[in-house]
Amino acid sequence: MKKTLQYLISLTVAAVLVWFTFKDIDLNTLWEKIKQADYRWVALSAVMALVAHWSRAYRWVLMLEQMGYKPSVFRTTLAVLVGYGANLIFPRAGEVARCGTLNKLEDIPFEKSFGAVIAERLIDVLVLLLLIFLNFIFEFDRLKDVFFNFFGEKFKNPLLLGSYALVGISLLVAAYFLFKKNQEKIAQNTIYQKVAKIIGGFASGFMSVRNLKNPSAFIFHTILIWTMYFVMTYVLCFALPETANLSPLAALSIFVMGSIGMAAPTQGGIGSYHFLVGSIVVLYGLSQQDGITLATFLHAMQGMVFVAIFGIIAFLLTLVLPKRGVRI
């Protein structure tokens, strides 16, 4: 019931954002411009997307190897692609589907691979925060008003924020001392023991990034993943005549806002991506019509078509792959 409610809320948020974003847009004009796009750039972008997904899988393998597992990079890539495909259906289901698929293909404990995924997601958040910072520094004159309009209200009442923080810290301290007082009794509980085992697996996967055998390869693939993400966005801008002359800094702004939009709790970033990218593009001289057209085109290619095609192919391959022990 809870999952159903979350899904309905996500759909509602996406629907509202889509309506708000497209209510003043001529959809016929939008569709005609997308049909006339140069799809050679789309093909190039698709290749870059595959490189990024392969690199993400390779980085995941590096983390799993530290825990004593040596999965096939090919199979791990399939698991990554299946995970992205699952996100189109259920928001945030991708990580679960990804680890479940790897468990099926390579018999790696779910909690171990999931802990590694959490660690890599936190690293990706740090990379995105760095990109947001750099984007804000390089494009301060354009982005300052957008930033303060979005976040300015949050800092108007520091006393209220301090009160929330104090209450939160107090609750955590109270919970800690309550647990310590009853630790021996709690430790004998069967449910606690099962949960502790799962959490231990998560922790092992999460901490795997600290003791990597090849940290330079991990850093390289982290840079490669995000470089491919940025370049595939920039390349797609060349496919539409109205956006072919956008600068790399404009593409960086589009990429950063698009990444934030894709992280929103809606199916595949639908609505949130269009709203944020469409809003930022007008700062670079494009009309609202052209801005939403570009946002729709980018999201359709990167967030829907590529993900759906790669995800379906990967899922079908997982159904026919030989059992673990037979390498490809």
Protein backbone atom coordinates (compact mmCIF):
# COMPACT_ATOMS: atom_id res chain seq x y z
CA MET A 1 0.00 0.00 0.00
CA LYS A 2 2.84 2.35 0.90
CA LYS A 3 4.65 1.64 -2.39
CA THR A 4 1.43 2.23 -4.33
CA LEU A 5 0.91 5.56 -2.57
CA GLN A 6 4.48 6.63 -3.30
CA TYR A 7 4.03 5.68 -6.94
CA LEU A 8 0.78 7.67 -7.22
CA ILE A 9 2.36 10.71 -5.56
CA SER A 10 5.30 10.51 -7.96
CA LEU A 11 2.95 10.29 -10.94
CA THR A 12 0.95 13.26 -9.66
CA VAL A 13 4.06 15.42 -9.19
CA ALA A 14 5.26 14.50 -12.69
CA ALA A 15 1.84 15.26 -14.21
CA VAL A 16 1.63 18.67 -12.52
CA LEU A 17 5.14 19.63 -13.64
CA VAL A 18 4.44 18.46 -17.21
CA TRP A 19 1.22 20.50 -17.35
CA PHE A 20 2.90 23.61 -15.92
CA THR A 21 5.88 23.32 -18.26
CA PHE A 22 3.96 22.62 -21.48
CA LYS A 23 0.79 24.69 -20.98
CA ASP A 24 2.07 27.58 -23.13
CA ILE A 25 4.01 25.46 -25.63
CA ASP A 26 2.95 24.78 -29.23
CA LEU A 27 3.25 20.99 -29.29
CA ASN A 28 2.93 20.74 -33.08
CA THR A 29 5.91 23.05 -33.55
CA LEU A 30 7.84 21.14 -30.90
CA TRP A 31 7.19 17.82 -32.64
CA GLU A 32 8.14 19.15 -36.09
CA LYS A 33 11.49 20.44 -34.79
CA ILE A 34 12.27 17.14 -33.11
CA LYS A 35 11.43 15.22 -36.31
CA GLN A 36 13.84 17.45 -38.25
CA ALA A 37 16.74 16.87 -35.83
CA ASP A 38 20.04 15.53 -37.14
CA TYR A 39 19.98 11.99 -35.77
CA ARG A 40 23.63 11.37 -36.55
CA TRP A 41 24.37 13.31 -33.37
CA VAL A 42 21.86 11.11 -31.56
CA ALA A 43 23.71 7.98 -32.67
CA LEU A 44 27.01 9.43 -31.42
CA SER A 45 25.40 10.32 -28.11
CA ALA A 46 24.06 6.77 -27.77
CA VAL A 47 27.58 5.37 -28.14
CA MET A 48 28.77 7.74 -25.42
CA ALA A 49 25.90 6.61 -23.19
CA LEU A 50 27.03 2.99 -23.58
CA VAL A 51 30.60 3.97 -22.69
CA ALA A 52 29.32 5.72 -19.56
CA HIS A 53 27.25 2.69 -18.51
CA TRP A 54 30.16 0.32 -19.14
CA SER A 55 32.44 2.60 -17.12
CA ARG A 56 29.94 2.66 -14.24
CA ALA A 57 29.82 -1.13 -14.30
CA TYR A 58 33.62 -1.36 -14.32
CA ARG A 59 33.81 1.01 -11.34
CA TRP A 60 31.29 -1.19 -9.53
CA VAL A 61 33.42 -4.25 -10.25
CA LEU A 62 36.43 -2.51 -8.68
CA MET A 63 34.44 -2.07 -5.47
CA LEU A 64 33.19 -5.65 -5.47
CA GLU A 65 36.68 -7.03 -6.07
CA GLN A 66 37.80 -5.43 -2.83
CA MET A 67 35.25 -7.65 -1.04
CA GLY A 68 36.55 -10.80 -2.72
CA TYR A 69 34.13 -11.02 -5.67
CA LYS A 70 35.17 -10.97 -9.33
CA PRO A 71 32.06 -10.54 -11.46
CA SER A 72 32.17 -10.33 -15.24
CA VAL A 73 32.23 -6.72 -16.44
CA PHE A 74 29.86 -7.74 -19.24
CA ARG A 75 27.29 -9.15 -16.82
CA THR A 76 27.75 -6.23 -14.44
CA THR A 77 27.07 -3.85 -17.33
CA LEU A 78 23.85 -5.73 -18.07
CA ALA A 79 22.83 -5.32 -14.42
CA VAL A 80 23.49 -1.57 -14.62
CA LEU A 81 21.39 -1.25 -17.78
CA VAL A 82 18.53 -3.27 -16.27
CA GLY A 83 18.63 -0.97 -13.25
CA TYR A 84 18.31 2.16 -15.37
CA GLY A 85 15.42 0.60 -17.25
CA ALA A 86 13.64 -0.19 -13.99
CA ASN A 87 13.83 3.48 -12.99
CA LEU A 88 11.51 4.30 -15.90
CA ILE A 89 8.78 2.24 -14.23
CA PHE A 90 9.39 2.81 -10.52
CA PRO A 91 11.44 5.75 -9.21
CA ARG A 92 14.47 4.63 -7.19
CA ALA A 93 13.81 0.98 -8.07
CA GLY A 94 16.89 0.91 -10.28
CA GLU A 95 19.40 0.24 -7.51
CA VAL A 96 17.34 -2.68 -6.23
CA ALA A 97 16.83 -4.14 -9.72
CA ARG A 98 20.49 -3.66 -10.52
CA CYS A 99 21.71 -5.54 -7.42
CA GLY A 100 19.02 -8.21 -7.81
CA THR A 101 20.10 -8.82 -11.41
CA LEU A 102 23.76 -9.12 -10.40
CA ASN A 103 22.77 -11.56 -7.65
CA LYS A 104 20.98 -13.67 -10.27
CA LEU A 105 23.85 -13.55 -12.75
CA GLU A 106 26.87 -13.71 -10.44
CA ASP A 107 25.48 -14.94 -7.12
CA ILE A 108 26.89 -11.91 -5.28
CA PRO A 109 24.98 -11.21 -2.02
CA PHE A 110 22.45 -8.44 -2.56
CA GLU A 111 23.43 -6.53 0.58
CA LYS A 112 27.10 -6.46 -0.46
CA SER A 113 26.50 -5.07 -3.94
CA PHE A 114 23.84 -2.69 -2.63
CA GLY A 115 26.26 -1.28 -0.06
CA ALA A 116 28.74 -0.63 -2.86
CA VAL A 117 26.01 1.09 -4.89
CA ILE A 118 25.20 3.38 -1.96
CA ALA A 119 28.88 4.31 -1.69
CA GLU A 120 29.20 5.07 -5.39
CA ARG A 121 25.96 7.09 -5.35
CA LEU A 122 27.34 9.24 -2.55
CA ILE A 123 30.48 9.80 -4.61
CA ASP A 124 28.33 10.77 -7.58
CA VAL A 125 26.46 13.25 -5.38
CA LEU A 126 29.78 14.82 -4.42
CA VAL A 127 30.76 15.06 -8.10
CA LEU A 128 27.41 16.68 -8.92
CA LEU A 129 27.83 19.17 -6.06
CA LEU A 130 31.28 20.03 -7.43
CA LEU A 131 29.80 20.56 -10.90
CA ILE A 132 27.03 22.75 -9.45
CA PHE A 133 29.68 24.81 -7.65
CA LEU A 134 31.82 25.18 -10.78
CA ASN A 135 28.78 25.99 -12.89
CA PHE A 136 27.74 28.67 -10.41
CA ILE A 137 31.25 30.16 -10.37
CA PHE A 138 31.67 30.22 -14.16
CA GLU A 139 28.13 31.44 -14.87
CA PHE A 140 27.49 33.53 -11.76
CA ASP A 141 25.99 36.50 -13.61
CA ARG A 142 23.40 34.32 -15.32
CA LEU A 143 22.62 31.93 -12.49
CA LYS A 144 22.67 34.09 -9.36
CA ASP A 145 19.02 35.16 -9.65
CA VAL A 146 17.88 31.59 -10.28
CA PHE A 147 19.87 30.36 -7.28
CA PHE A 148 18.55 32.91 -4.84
CA ASN A 149 14.99 32.56 -6.08
CA PHE A 150 15.17 28.80 -5.52
CA PHE A 151 17.04 28.73 -2.24
CA GLY A 152 16.83 32.20 -0.73
CA GLU A 153 13.66 31.45 1.22
CA LYS A 154 15.36 28.58 3.03
CA PHE A 155 17.78 30.90 4.79
CA LYS A 156 15.44 33.66 5.88
CA ASN A 157 14.74 32.11 9.29
CA PRO A 158 18.01 30.70 10.69
CA LEU A 159 16.45 30.40 14.18
CA LEU A 160 13.86 27.96 12.83
CA LEU A 161 16.54 25.94 11.05
CA GLY A 162 18.59 25.83 14.26
CA SER A 163 15.57 24.59 16.22
CA TYR A 164 15.00 21.76 13.74
CA ALA A 165 18.67 20.77 13.95
CA LEU A 166 18.63 20.82 17.75
CA VAL A 167 15.51 18.64 17.93
CA GLY A 168 16.98 16.18 15.43
CA ILE A 169 20.29 15.90 17.32
CA SER A 170 18.46 15.46 20.65
CA LEU A 171 16.38 12.60 19.25
CA LEU A 172 19.47 10.86 17.89
CA VAL A 173 21.32 11.17 21.21
CA ALA A 174 18.30 9.86 23.16
CA ALA A 175 17.94 6.89 20.76
CA TYR A 176 21.64 6.09 21.12
CA PHE A 177 21.59 5.98 24.94
CA LEU A 178 18.35 3.99 24.94
CA PHE A 179 19.96 1.42 22.65
CA LYS A 180 23.14 1.20 24.75
CA LYS A 181 21.11 0.67 27.90
CA ASN A 182 19.22 -2.30 26.39
CA GLN A 183 21.89 -3.54 23.96
CA GLU A 184 22.29 -7.06 25.38
CA LYS A 185 18.55 -7.70 25.44
CA ILE A 186 18.08 -6.29 21.94
CA ALA A 187 20.97 -8.37 20.57
CA GLN A 188 19.14 -11.59 21.45
CA ASN A 189 16.17 -10.65 19.31
CA THR A 190 15.94 -12.73 16.09
CA ILE A 191 14.70 -9.83 13.99
CA TYR A 192 17.53 -7.62 15.25
CA GLN A 193 20.08 -10.30 14.35
CA LYS A 194 18.73 -10.55 10.78
CA VAL A 195 18.68 -6.77 10.39
CA ALA A 196 22.19 -6.51 11.84
CA LYS A 197 23.43 -9.05 9.29
CA ILE A 198 21.91 -7.09 6.42
CA ILE A 199 23.29 -3.79 7.75
CA GLY A 200 26.69 -5.45 8.14
CA GLY A 201 26.59 -6.41 4.48
CA PHE A 202 25.62 -2.87 3.52
CA ALA A 203 28.47 -1.49 5.62
CA SER A 204 30.95 -3.88 4.02
CA GLY A 205 29.87 -2.77 0.56
CA PHE A 206 29.83 0.88 1.56
CA MET A 207 33.32 0.77 3.06
CA SER A 208 34.74 -1.04 0.03
CA VAL A 209 35.64 2.29 -1.53
CA ARG A 210 38.16 2.93 1.28
CA ASN A 211 40.39 -0.05 0.51
CA LEU A 212 40.35 -0.25 -3.24
CA LYS A 213 43.13 -2.26 -4.86
CA ASN A 214 43.25 0.18 -7.77
CA PRO A 215 42.10 3.64 -6.61
CA SER A 216 43.51 5.35 -9.70
CA ALA A 217 41.24 3.23 -11.93
CA PHE A 218 38.28 4.13 -9.71
CA ILE A 219 39.05 7.86 -10.06
CA PHE A 220 39.58 7.48 -13.81
CA HIS A 221 36.21 5.80 -14.32
CA THR A 222 34.44 8.33 -12.11
CA ILE A 223 35.83 11.11 -14.31
CA LEU A 224 35.01 9.14 -17.48
CA ILE A 225 31.39 8.55 -16.41
CA TRP A 226 30.69 12.21 -15.79
CA THR A 227 32.66 13.38 -18.82
CA MET A 228 30.57 11.11 -21.03
CA TYR A 229 27.36 12.36 -19.40
CA PHE A 230 28.34 15.96 -20.13
CA VAL A 231 29.61 15.39 -23.67
CA MET A 232 26.57 13.34 -24.72
CA THR A 233 24.37 16.24 -23.57
CA TYR A 234 26.47 18.77 -25.48
CA VAL A 235 26.50 16.58 -28.60
CA LEU A 236 22.70 16.35 -28.61
CA CYS A 237 22.48 20.15 -28.64
CA PHE A 238 24.07 20.06 -32.13
CA ALA A 239 21.16 17.98 -33.42
CA LEU A 240 18.76 20.96 -33.30
CA PRO A 241 19.54 24.05 -35.40
CA GLU A 242 18.23 26.41 -32.69
CA THR A 243 20.69 25.07 -30.10
CA ALA A 244 23.67 24.10 -32.29
CA ASN A 245 25.57 27.26 -31.32
CA LEU A 246 25.24 26.90 -27.56
CA SER A 247 28.56 27.24 -25.75
CA PRO A 248 30.16 24.53 -23.58
CA LEU A 249 29.26 26.61 -20.50
CA ALA A 250 25.63 26.68 -21.62
CA ALA A 251 25.79 22.91 -22.05
CA LEU A 252 27.25 22.66 -18.53
CA SER A 253 24.29 24.59 -17.12
CA ILE A 254 21.87 22.36 -19.04
CA PHE A 255 23.69 19.25 -17.86
CA VAL A 256 23.74 20.30 -14.20
CA MET A 257 20.07 21.29 -14.14
CA GLY A 258 19.15 18.13 -16.03
CA SER A 259 21.06 15.99 -13.53
CA ILE A 260 19.14 17.61 -10.68
CA GLY A 261 15.90 17.04 -12.57
CA MET A 262 16.70 13.37 -13.14
CA ALA A 263 17.41 12.96 -9.43
CA ALA A 264 13.90 14.17 -8.53
CA PRO A 265 11.44 11.48 -7.32
CA THR A 266 9.49 11.22 -10.58
CA GLN A 267 9.50 8.42 -13.16
CA GLY A 268 12.69 8.92 -15.15
CA GLY A 269 12.78 12.63 -14.26
CA ILE A 270 9.62 13.30 -16.28
CA GLY A 271 8.38 16.83 -15.65
CA SER A 272 11.20 17.86 -13.30
CA TYR A 273 13.82 17.56 -16.05
CA HIS A 274 11.73 19.51 -18.57
CA PHE A 275 10.94 22.26 -16.07
CA LEU A 276 14.52 22.81 -14.88
CA VAL A 277 16.25 22.53 -18.26
CA GLY A 278 13.56 24.59 -20.00
CA SER A 279 13.96 27.30 -17.35
CA ILE A 280 17.75 27.48 -17.60
CA VAL A 281 18.02 27.51 -21.40
CA VAL A 282 16.12 30.81 -21.73
CA LEU A 283 19.03 32.48 -19.88
CA TYR A 284 21.12 31.80 -22.98
CA GLY A 285 18.88 33.67 -25.42
CA LEU A 286 16.52 30.90 -26.49
CA SER A 287 12.77 31.34 -26.50
CA GLN A 288 10.64 29.35 -24.07
CA GLN A 289 9.41 27.29 -27.03
CA ASP A 290 12.94 26.38 -28.12
CA GLY A 291 14.02 25.79 -24.53
CA ILE A 292 11.25 23.28 -23.86
CA THR A 293 11.86 21.69 -27.26
CA LEU A 294 15.51 21.12 -26.34
CA ALA A 295 14.57 19.82 -22.88
CA THR A 296 12.05 17.41 -24.41
CA PHE A 297 14.53 16.22 -27.03
CA LEU A 298 17.34 15.68 -24.51
CA HIS A 299 15.10 13.87 -22.06
CA ALA A 300 13.48 11.73 -24.76
CA MET A 301 16.84 10.58 -26.10
CA GLN A 302 18.92 10.28 -22.92
CA GLY A 303 16.30 9.58 -20.30
CA MET A 304 13.82 7.48 -22.27
CA VAL A 305 14.90 6.06 -25.64
CA PHE A 306 18.49 5.10 -24.75
CA VAL A 307 17.50 3.77 -21.34
CA ALA A 308 14.51 1.82 -22.65
CA ILE A 309 16.33 0.23 -25.60
CA PHE A 310 19.47 -0.65 -23.64
CA GLY A 311 17.43 -1.81 -20.65
CA ILE A 312 15.19 -4.11 -22.70
CA ILE A 313 18.12 -5.64 -24.57
CA ALA A 314 20.02 -6.15 -21.31
CA PHE A 315 17.00 -7.73 -19.61
CA LEU A 316 16.49 -10.17 -22.51
CA LEU A 317 20.15 -11.14 -22.39
CA THR A 318 19.90 -11.90 -18.66
CA LEU A 319 17.17 -14.41 -19.48
CA VAL A 320 19.35 -16.44 -21.84
CA LEU A 321 22.80 -16.12 -20.26
CA PRO A 322 24.35 -19.36 -19.00
CA LYS A 323 24.51 -19.94 -15.28
CA ARG A 324 27.36 -18.60 -13.21
CA GLY A 325 30.60 -20.40 -13.86
CA VAL A 326 30.39 -20.09 -17.64
CA ARG A 327 32.20 -16.88 -18.54
CA ILE A 328 31.51 -14.74 -21.60
